[in-house]
Amino acid sequence: MKNEHTTLLVIGGGPGGYVAAIRAGQLGIPTVLVERERLGGTCLNIGCIPSKALIHVADAFEQACGQAGEGLLGIRVRTPEI
């Protein structure tokens, strides 16, 4: 086992923890962050942020579907497919 010496120990790499660790590093504070799961926590990895990304993609796809057909310049566009 390796011993680590630090000024700041951040427990948890969720939305508060990883931001605190980044800011401490920017300020030159020796920092160690401990997280047993993926950094970012539930919100970043499986919660609200991925949901928002999927909603954005669905909206963009819907807009692209609305552009299918023949445009003002006579350019014909097929309906997009996933």
PDB file of N, CA and C in Angstrom:
ATOM      1  N   MET A   1       0.843  -1.171   0.000  1.00  0.00           N
ATOM      2  CA  MET A   1       0.000   0.000   0.000  1.00  0.00           C
ATOM      3  C   MET A   1       0.892   1.238   0.000  1.00  0.00           C
ATOM      4  N   LYS A   2       0.506   2.216  -0.776  1.00  0.00           N
ATOM      5  CA  LYS A   2       1.271   3.454  -0.904  1.00  0.00           C
ATOM      6  C   LYS A   2       0.654   4.540  -0.024  1.00  0.00           C
ATOM      7  N   ASN A   3       1.475   5.245   0.711  1.00  0.00           N
ATOM      8  CA  ASN A   3       1.008   6.381   1.514  1.00  0.00           C
ATOM      9  C   ASN A   3       1.023   7.643   0.675  1.00  0.00           C
ATOM     10  N   GLU A   4      -0.051   8.398   0.756  1.00  0.00           N
ATOM     11  CA  GLU A   4      -0.157   9.681   0.055  1.00  0.00           C
ATOM     12  C   GLU A   4      -0.295  10.792   1.085  1.00  0.00           C
ATOM     13  N   HIS A   5       0.377  11.895   0.846  1.00  0.00           N
ATOM     14  CA  HIS A   5       0.258  13.073   1.705  1.00  0.00           C
ATOM     15  C   HIS A   5      -0.335  14.189   0.863  1.00  0.00           C
ATOM     16  N   THR A   6      -1.376  14.824   1.388  1.00  0.00           N
ATOM     17  CA  THR A   6      -2.056  15.873   0.642  1.00  0.00           C
ATOM     18  C   THR A   6      -2.599  16.924   1.604  1.00  0.00           C
ATOM     19  N   THR A   7      -2.962  18.048   1.054  1.00  0.00           N
ATOM     20  CA  THR A   7      -3.570  19.109   1.852  1.00  0.00           C
ATOM     21  C   THR A   7      -5.081  18.956   1.895  1.00  0.00           C
ATOM     22  N   LEU A   8      -5.661  18.523   0.772  1.00  0.00           N
ATOM     23  CA  LEU A   8      -7.116  18.409   0.677  1.00  0.00           C
ATOM     24  C   LEU A   8      -7.496  17.032   0.162  1.00  0.00           C
ATOM     25  N   LEU A   9      -8.386  16.373   0.871  1.00  0.00           N
ATOM     26  CA  LEU A   9      -8.950  15.096   0.442  1.00  0.00           C
ATOM     27  C   LEU A   9     -10.420  15.324   0.130  1.00  0.00           C
ATOM     28  N   VAL A  10     -10.795  15.076  -1.112  1.00  0.00           N
ATOM     29  CA  VAL A  10     -12.190  15.210  -1.528  1.00  0.00           C
ATOM     30  C   VAL A  10     -12.758  13.800  -1.624  1.00  0.00           C
ATOM     31  N   ILE A  11     -13.802  13.533  -0.874  1.00  0.00           N
ATOM     32  CA  ILE A  11     -14.434  12.221  -0.890  1.00  0.00           C
ATOM     33  C   ILE A  11     -15.695  12.314  -1.729  1.00  0.00           C
ATOM     34  N   GLY A  12     -15.686  11.635  -2.850  1.00  0.00           N
ATOM     35  CA  GLY A  12     -16.828  11.637  -3.760  1.00  0.00           C
ATOM     36  C   GLY A  12     -16.553  12.481  -4.982  1.00  0.00           C
ATOM     37  N   GLY A  13     -16.676  11.865  -6.142  1.00  0.00           N
ATOM     38  CA  GLY A  13     -16.417  12.563  -7.401  1.00  0.00           C
ATOM     39  C   GLY A  13     -17.680  12.917  -8.140  1.00  0.00           C
ATOM     40  N   GLY A  14     -18.738  13.207  -7.405  1.00  0.00           N
ATOM     41  CA  GLY A  14     -19.986  13.649  -8.032  1.00  0.00           C
ATOM     42  C   GLY A  14     -19.863  15.088  -8.494  1.00  0.00           C
ATOM     43  N   PRO A  15     -20.980  15.721  -8.846  1.00  0.00           N
ATOM     44  CA  PRO A  15     -20.937  17.069  -9.394  1.00  0.00           C
ATOM     45  C   PRO A  15     -20.295  18.095  -8.469  1.00  0.00           C
ATOM     46  N   GLY A  16     -20.389  17.899  -7.168  1.00  0.00           N
ATOM     47  CA  GLY A  16     -19.734  18.820  -6.231  1.00  0.00           C
ATOM     48  C   GLY A  16     -18.281  18.461  -6.009  1.00  0.00           C
ATOM     49  N   GLY A  17     -18.011  17.170  -5.866  1.00  0.00           N
ATOM     50  CA  GLY A  17     -16.662  16.709  -5.553  1.00  0.00           C
ATOM     51  C   GLY A  17     -15.642  16.979  -6.639  1.00  0.00           C
ATOM     52  N   TYR A  18     -15.976  16.617  -7.889  1.00  0.00           N
ATOM     53  CA  TYR A  18     -14.969  16.812  -8.928  1.00  0.00           C
ATOM     54  C   TYR A  18     -14.749  18.286  -9.230  1.00  0.00           C
ATOM     55  N   VAL A  19     -15.784  19.110  -9.094  1.00  0.00           N
ATOM     56  CA  VAL A  19     -15.616  20.553  -9.288  1.00  0.00           C
ATOM     57  C   VAL A  19     -14.737  21.131  -8.182  1.00  0.00           C
ATOM     58  N   ALA A  20     -14.953  20.681  -6.945  1.00  0.00           N
ATOM     59  CA  ALA A  20     -14.124  21.143  -5.827  1.00  0.00           C
ATOM     60  C   ALA A  20     -12.667  20.750  -6.032  1.00  0.00           C
ATOM     61  N   ALA A  21     -12.436  19.524  -6.484  1.00  0.00           N
ATOM     62  CA  ALA A  21     -11.069  19.055  -6.712  1.00  0.00           C
ATOM     63  C   ALA A  21     -10.393  19.839  -7.840  1.00  0.00           C
ATOM     64  N   ILE A  22     -11.121  20.103  -8.908  1.00  0.00           N
ATOM     65  CA  ILE A  22     -10.562  20.891 -10.019  1.00  0.00           C
ATOM     66  C   ILE A  22     -10.197  22.288  -9.540  1.00  0.00           C
ATOM     67  N   ARG A  23     -11.107  22.923  -8.815  1.00  0.00           N
ATOM     68  CA  ARG A  23     -10.848  24.292  -8.345  1.00  0.00           C
ATOM     69  C   ARG A  23      -9.672  24.328  -7.388  1.00  0.00           C
ATOM     70  N   ALA A  24      -9.595  23.363  -6.489  1.00  0.00           N
ATOM     71  CA  ALA A  24      -8.465  23.306  -5.561  1.00  0.00           C
ATOM     72  C   ALA A  24      -7.157  23.163  -6.335  1.00  0.00           C
ATOM     73  N   GLY A  25      -7.152  22.320  -7.350  1.00  0.00           N
ATOM     74  CA  GLY A  25      -5.958  22.170  -8.184  1.00  0.00           C
ATOM     75  C   GLY A  25      -5.591  23.465  -8.885  1.00  0.00           C
ATOM     76  N   GLN A  26      -6.597  24.185  -9.389  1.00  0.00           N
ATOM     77  CA  GLN A  26      -6.342  25.474 -10.036  1.00  0.00           C
ATOM     78  C   GLN A  26      -5.718  26.469  -9.068  1.00  0.00           C
ATOM     79  N   LEU A  27      -6.083  26.360  -7.801  1.00  0.00           N
ATOM     80  CA  LEU A  27      -5.546  27.260  -6.777  1.00  0.00           C
ATOM     81  C   LEU A  27      -4.203  26.781  -6.230  1.00  0.00           C
ATOM     82  N   GLY A  28      -3.722  25.664  -6.749  1.00  0.00           N
ATOM     83  CA  GLY A  28      -2.424  25.153  -6.322  1.00  0.00           C
ATOM     84  C   GLY A  28      -2.458  24.343  -5.037  1.00  0.00           C
ATOM     85  N   ILE A  29      -3.623  23.921  -4.616  1.00  0.00           N
ATOM     86  CA  ILE A  29      -3.753  23.137  -3.388  1.00  0.00           C
ATOM     87  C   ILE A  29      -3.546  21.664  -3.727  1.00  0.00           C
ATOM     88  N   PRO A  30      -2.584  20.999  -3.099  1.00  0.00           N
ATOM     89  CA  PRO A  30      -2.403  19.560  -3.341  1.00  0.00           C
ATOM     90  C   PRO A  30      -3.690  18.816  -2.961  1.00  0.00           C
ATOM     91  N   THR A  31      -4.265  18.109  -3.926  1.00  0.00           N
ATOM     92  CA  THR A  31      -5.590  17.522  -3.746  1.00  0.00           C
ATOM     93  C   THR A  31      -5.616  16.072  -4.198  1.00  0.00           C
ATOM     94  N   VAL A  32      -6.321  15.255  -3.442  1.00  0.00           N
ATOM     95  CA  VAL A  32      -6.603  13.874  -3.834  1.00  0.00           C
ATOM     96  C   VAL A  32      -8.114  13.707  -3.801  1.00  0.00           C
ATOM     97  N   LEU A  33      -8.670  13.154  -4.878  1.00  0.00           N
ATOM     98  CA  LEU A  33     -10.097  12.882  -4.956  1.00  0.00           C
ATOM     99  C   LEU A  33     -10.291  11.368  -4.917  1.00  0.00           C
ATOM    100  N   VAL A  34     -11.203  10.903  -4.070  1.00  0.00           N
ATOM    101  CA  VAL A  34     -11.478   9.475  -3.938  1.00  0.00           C
ATOM    102  C   VAL A  34     -12.921   9.221  -4.358  1.00  0.00           C
ATOM    103  N   GLU A  35     -13.098   8.289  -5.297  1.00  0.00           N
ATOM    104  CA  GLU A  35     -14.438   7.947  -5.791  1.00  0.00           C
ATOM    105  C   GLU A  35     -14.453   6.467  -6.136  1.00  0.00           C
ATOM    106  N   ARG A  36     -15.439   5.741  -5.658  1.00  0.00           N
ATOM    107  CA  ARG A  36     -15.489   4.309  -5.951  1.00  0.00           C
ATOM    108  C   ARG A  36     -16.170   4.008  -7.276  1.00  0.00           C
ATOM    109  N   GLU A  37     -16.961   4.931  -7.790  1.00  0.00           N
ATOM    110  CA  GLU A  37     -17.656   4.735  -9.064  1.00  0.00           C
ATOM    111  C   GLU A  37     -17.004   5.628 -10.120  1.00  0.00           C
ATOM    112  N   ARG A  38     -17.713   5.876 -11.212  1.00  0.00           N
ATOM    113  CA  ARG A  38     -17.208   6.760 -12.262  1.00  0.00           C
ATOM    114  C   ARG A  38     -17.312   8.209 -11.797  1.00  0.00           C
ATOM    115  N   LEU A  39     -16.310   9.008 -12.149  1.00  0.00           N
ATOM    116  CA  LEU A  39     -16.344  10.425 -11.791  1.00  0.00           C
ATOM    117  C   LEU A  39     -17.556  11.094 -12.416  1.00  0.00           C
ATOM    118  N   GLY A  40     -18.141  12.018 -11.707  1.00  0.00           N
ATOM    119  CA  GLY A  40     -19.275  12.771 -12.209  1.00  0.00           C
ATOM    120  C   GLY A  40     -20.588  12.438 -11.537  1.00  0.00           C
ATOM    121  N   GLY A  41     -20.662  11.261 -10.947  1.00  0.00           N
ATOM    122  CA  GLY A  41     -21.873  10.876 -10.236  1.00  0.00           C
ATOM    123  C   GLY A  41     -23.025  10.509 -11.153  1.00  0.00           C
ATOM    124  N   THR A  42     -24.161  10.297 -10.550  1.00  0.00           N
ATOM    125  CA  THR A  42     -25.349   9.846 -11.267  1.00  0.00           C
ATOM    126  C   THR A  42     -25.799  10.849 -12.322  1.00  0.00           C
ATOM    127  N   CYS A  43     -25.833  12.116 -11.971  1.00  0.00           N
ATOM    128  CA  CYS A  43     -26.342  13.137 -12.892  1.00  0.00           C
ATOM    129  C   CYS A  43     -25.551  13.151 -14.197  1.00  0.00           C
ATOM    130  N   LEU A  44     -24.238  13.109 -14.101  1.00  0.00           N
ATOM    131  CA  LEU A  44     -23.395  13.186 -15.293  1.00  0.00           C
ATOM    132  C   LEU A  44     -23.435  11.902 -16.106  1.00  0.00           C
ATOM    133  N   ASN A  45     -23.439  10.761 -15.460  1.00  0.00           N
ATOM    134  CA  ASN A  45     -23.262   9.495 -16.162  1.00  0.00           C
ATOM    135  C   ASN A  45     -24.545   8.787 -16.577  1.00  0.00           C
ATOM    136  N   ILE A  46     -25.590   8.834 -15.768  1.00  0.00           N
ATOM    137  CA  ILE A  46     -26.812   8.110 -16.130  1.00  0.00           C
ATOM    138  C   ILE A  46     -28.077   8.918 -15.874  1.00  0.00           C
ATOM    139  N   GLY A  47     -27.950  10.098 -15.335  1.00  0.00           N
ATOM    140  CA  GLY A  47     -29.127  10.875 -14.948  1.00  0.00           C
ATOM    141  C   GLY A  47     -29.483  11.950 -15.937  1.00  0.00           C
ATOM    142  N   CYS A  48     -29.600  13.170 -15.426  1.00  0.00           N
ATOM    143  CA  CYS A  48     -30.167  14.276 -16.189  1.00  0.00           C
ATOM    144  C   CYS A  48     -29.319  14.706 -17.385  1.00  0.00           C
ATOM    145  N   ILE A  49     -27.999  14.659 -17.300  1.00  0.00           N
ATOM    146  CA  ILE A  49     -27.180  15.155 -18.412  1.00  0.00           C
ATOM    147  C   ILE A  49     -27.292  14.243 -19.636  1.00  0.00           C
ATOM    148  N   PRO A  50     -27.147  12.893 -19.512  1.00  0.00           N
ATOM    149  CA  PRO A  50     -27.362  12.052 -20.690  1.00  0.00           C
ATOM    150  C   PRO A  50     -28.779  12.181 -21.245  1.00  0.00           C
ATOM    151  N   SER A  51     -29.772  12.358 -20.368  1.00  0.00           N
ATOM    152  CA  SER A  51     -31.154  12.531 -20.829  1.00  0.00           C
ATOM    153  C   SER A  51     -31.268  13.772 -21.698  1.00  0.00           C
ATOM    154  N   LYS A  52     -30.647  14.869 -21.256  1.00  0.00           N
ATOM    155  CA  LYS A  52     -30.701  16.115 -22.024  1.00  0.00           C
ATOM    156  C   LYS A  52     -30.020  15.948 -23.375  1.00  0.00           C
ATOM    157  N   ALA A  53     -28.926  15.197 -23.415  1.00  0.00           N
ATOM    158  CA  ALA A  53     -28.234  14.955 -24.687  1.00  0.00           C
ATOM    159  C   ALA A  53     -29.136  14.172 -25.638  1.00  0.00           C
ATOM    160  N   LEU A  54     -29.827  13.154 -25.135  1.00  0.00           N
ATOM    161  CA  LEU A  54     -30.733  12.369 -25.976  1.00  0.00           C
ATOM    162  C   LEU A  54     -31.907  13.207 -26.456  1.00  0.00           C
ATOM    163  N   ILE A  55     -32.438  14.059 -25.596  1.00  0.00           N
ATOM    164  CA  ILE A  55     -33.543  14.936 -25.991  1.00  0.00           C
ATOM    165  C   ILE A  55     -33.086  15.886 -27.094  1.00  0.00           C
ATOM    166  N   HIS A  56     -31.870  16.424 -26.974  1.00  0.00           N
ATOM    167  CA  HIS A  56     -31.329  17.326 -27.999  1.00  0.00           C
ATOM    168  C   HIS A  56     -31.207  16.608 -29.343  1.00  0.00           C
ATOM    169  N   VAL A  57     -30.683  15.381 -29.327  1.00  0.00           N
ATOM    170  CA  VAL A  57     -30.533  14.608 -30.566  1.00  0.00           C
ATOM    171  C   VAL A  57     -31.899  14.318 -31.177  1.00  0.00           C
ATOM    172  N   ALA A  58     -32.879  13.973 -30.350  1.00  0.00           N
ATOM    173  CA  ALA A  58     -34.226  13.701 -30.857  1.00  0.00           C
ATOM    174  C   ALA A  58     -34.829  14.951 -31.495  1.00  0.00           C
ATOM    175  N   ASP A  59     -34.627  16.105 -30.884  1.00  0.00           N
ATOM    176  CA  ASP A  59     -35.120  17.365 -31.457  1.00  0.00           C
ATOM    177  C   ASP A  59     -34.451  17.659 -32.795  1.00  0.00           C
ATOM    178  N   ALA A  60     -33.138  17.452 -32.863  1.00  0.00           N
ATOM    179  CA  ALA A  60     -32.408  17.692 -34.114  1.00  0.00           C
ATOM    180  C   ALA A  60     -32.898  16.748 -35.212  1.00  0.00           C
ATOM    181  N   PHE A  61     -33.154  15.486 -34.854  1.00  0.00           N
ATOM    182  CA  PHE A  61     -33.663  14.518 -35.829  1.00  0.00           C
ATOM    183  C   PHE A  61     -35.040  14.942 -36.334  1.00  0.00           C
ATOM    184  N   GLU A  62     -35.893  15.390 -35.421  1.00  0.00           N
ATOM    185  CA  GLU A  62     -37.233  15.842 -35.809  1.00  0.00           C
ATOM    186  C   GLU A  62     -37.148  17.035 -36.766  1.00  0.00           C
ATOM    187  N   GLN A  63     -36.244  17.963 -36.499  1.00  0.00           N
ATOM    188  CA  GLN A  63     -36.066  19.116 -37.392  1.00  0.00           C
ATOM    189  C   GLN A  63     -35.566  18.666 -38.759  1.00  0.00           C
ATOM    190  N   ALA A  64     -34.642  17.696 -38.774  1.00  0.00           N
ATOM    191  CA  ALA A  64     -34.120  17.190 -40.043  1.00  0.00           C
ATOM    192  C   ALA A  64     -35.228  16.514 -40.847  1.00  0.00           C
ATOM    193  N   CYS A  65     -36.100  15.782 -40.175  1.00  0.00           N
ATOM    194  CA  CYS A  65     -37.222  15.134 -40.865  1.00  0.00           C
ATOM    195  C   CYS A  65     -38.133  16.175 -41.507  1.00  0.00           C
ATOM    196  N   GLY A  66     -38.288  17.317 -40.851  1.00  0.00           N
ATOM    197  CA  GLY A  66     -39.125  18.385 -41.383  1.00  0.00           C
ATOM    198  C   GLY A  66     -38.547  19.037 -42.632  1.00  0.00           C
ATOM    199  N   GLN A  67     -37.279  18.822 -42.899  1.00  0.00           N
ATOM    200  CA  GLN A  67     -36.631  19.409 -44.069  1.00  0.00           C
ATOM    201  C   GLN A  67     -36.681  18.489 -45.286  1.00  0.00           C
ATOM    202  N   ALA A  68     -37.194  17.280 -45.113  1.00  0.00           N
ATOM    203  CA  ALA A  68     -37.252  16.325 -46.218  1.00  0.00           C
ATOM    204  C   ALA A  68     -38.208  16.829 -47.294  1.00  0.00           C
ATOM    205  N   GLY A  69     -37.946  16.417 -48.505  1.00  0.00           N
ATOM    206  CA  GLY A  69     -38.780  16.818 -49.633  1.00  0.00           C
ATOM    207  C   GLY A  69     -38.010  17.781 -50.520  1.00  0.00           C
ATOM    208  N   GLU A  70     -38.738  18.542 -51.321  1.00  0.00           N
ATOM    209  CA  GLU A  70     -38.095  19.473 -52.242  1.00  0.00           C
ATOM    210  C   GLU A  70     -38.100  20.871 -51.645  1.00  0.00           C
ATOM    211  N   GLY A  71     -36.916  21.486 -51.612  1.00  0.00           N
ATOM    212  CA  GLY A  71     -36.772  22.807 -51.028  1.00  0.00           C
ATOM    213  C   GLY A  71     -37.030  23.913 -52.032  1.00  0.00           C
ATOM    214  N   LEU A  72     -36.842  25.151 -51.592  1.00  0.00           N
ATOM    215  CA  LEU A  72     -37.096  26.326 -52.428  1.00  0.00           C
ATOM    216  C   LEU A  72     -36.206  26.378 -53.658  1.00  0.00           C
ATOM    217  N   LEU A  73     -35.005  25.844 -53.566  1.00  0.00           N
ATOM    218  CA  LEU A  73     -34.069  25.899 -54.687  1.00  0.00           C
ATOM    219  C   LEU A  73     -34.162  24.666 -55.572  1.00  0.00           C
ATOM    220  N   GLY A  74     -35.161  23.832 -55.343  1.00  0.00           N
ATOM    221  CA  GLY A  74     -35.323  22.622 -56.140  1.00  0.00           C
ATOM    222  C   GLY A  74     -34.421  21.485 -55.689  1.00  0.00           C
ATOM    223  N   ILE A  75     -33.833  21.636 -54.527  1.00  0.00           N
ATOM    224  CA  ILE A  75     -32.970  20.578 -53.992  1.00  0.00           C
ATOM    225  C   ILE A  75     -33.851  19.606 -53.222  1.00  0.00           C
ATOM    226  N   ARG A  76     -33.745  18.340 -53.596  1.00  0.00           N
ATOM    227  CA  ARG A  76     -34.575  17.312 -52.957  1.00  0.00           C
ATOM    228  C   ARG A  76     -33.758  16.597 -51.885  1.00  0.00           C
ATOM    229  N   VAL A  77     -34.352  16.455 -50.696  1.00  0.00           N
ATOM    230  CA  VAL A  77     -33.679  15.813 -49.563  1.00  0.00           C
ATOM    231  C   VAL A  77     -34.539  14.648 -49.091  1.00  0.00           C
ATOM    232  N   ARG A  78     -33.895  13.486 -48.933  1.00  0.00           N
ATOM    233  CA  ARG A  78     -34.624  12.322 -48.420  1.00  0.00           C
ATOM    234  C   ARG A  78     -34.843  12.452 -46.914  1.00  0.00           C
ATOM    235  N   THR A  79     -35.820  11.738 -46.411  1.00  0.00           N
ATOM    236  CA  THR A  79     -36.076  11.700 -44.972  1.00  0.00           C
ATOM    237  C   THR A  79     -34.903  10.998 -44.290  1.00  0.00           C
ATOM    238  N   PRO A  80     -34.342  11.600 -43.247  1.00  0.00           N
ATOM    239  CA  PRO A  80     -33.210  10.970 -42.559  1.00  0.00           C
ATOM    240  C   PRO A  80     -33.635   9.676 -41.872  1.00  0.00           C
ATOM    241  N   GLU A  81     -32.678   8.786 -41.707  1.00  0.00           N
ATOM    242  CA  GLU A  81     -32.926   7.509 -41.036  1.00  0.00           C
ATOM    243  C   GLU A  81     -31.934   7.343 -39.909  1.00  0.00           C
ATOM    244  N   ILE A  82     -32.372   6.628 -38.891  1.00  0.00           N
ATOM    245  CA  ILE A  82     -31.458   6.309 -37.789  1.00  0.00           C
ATOM    246  C   ILE A  82     -30.990   4.894 -37.980  1.00  0.00           C
TER     247      ILE A  82
END
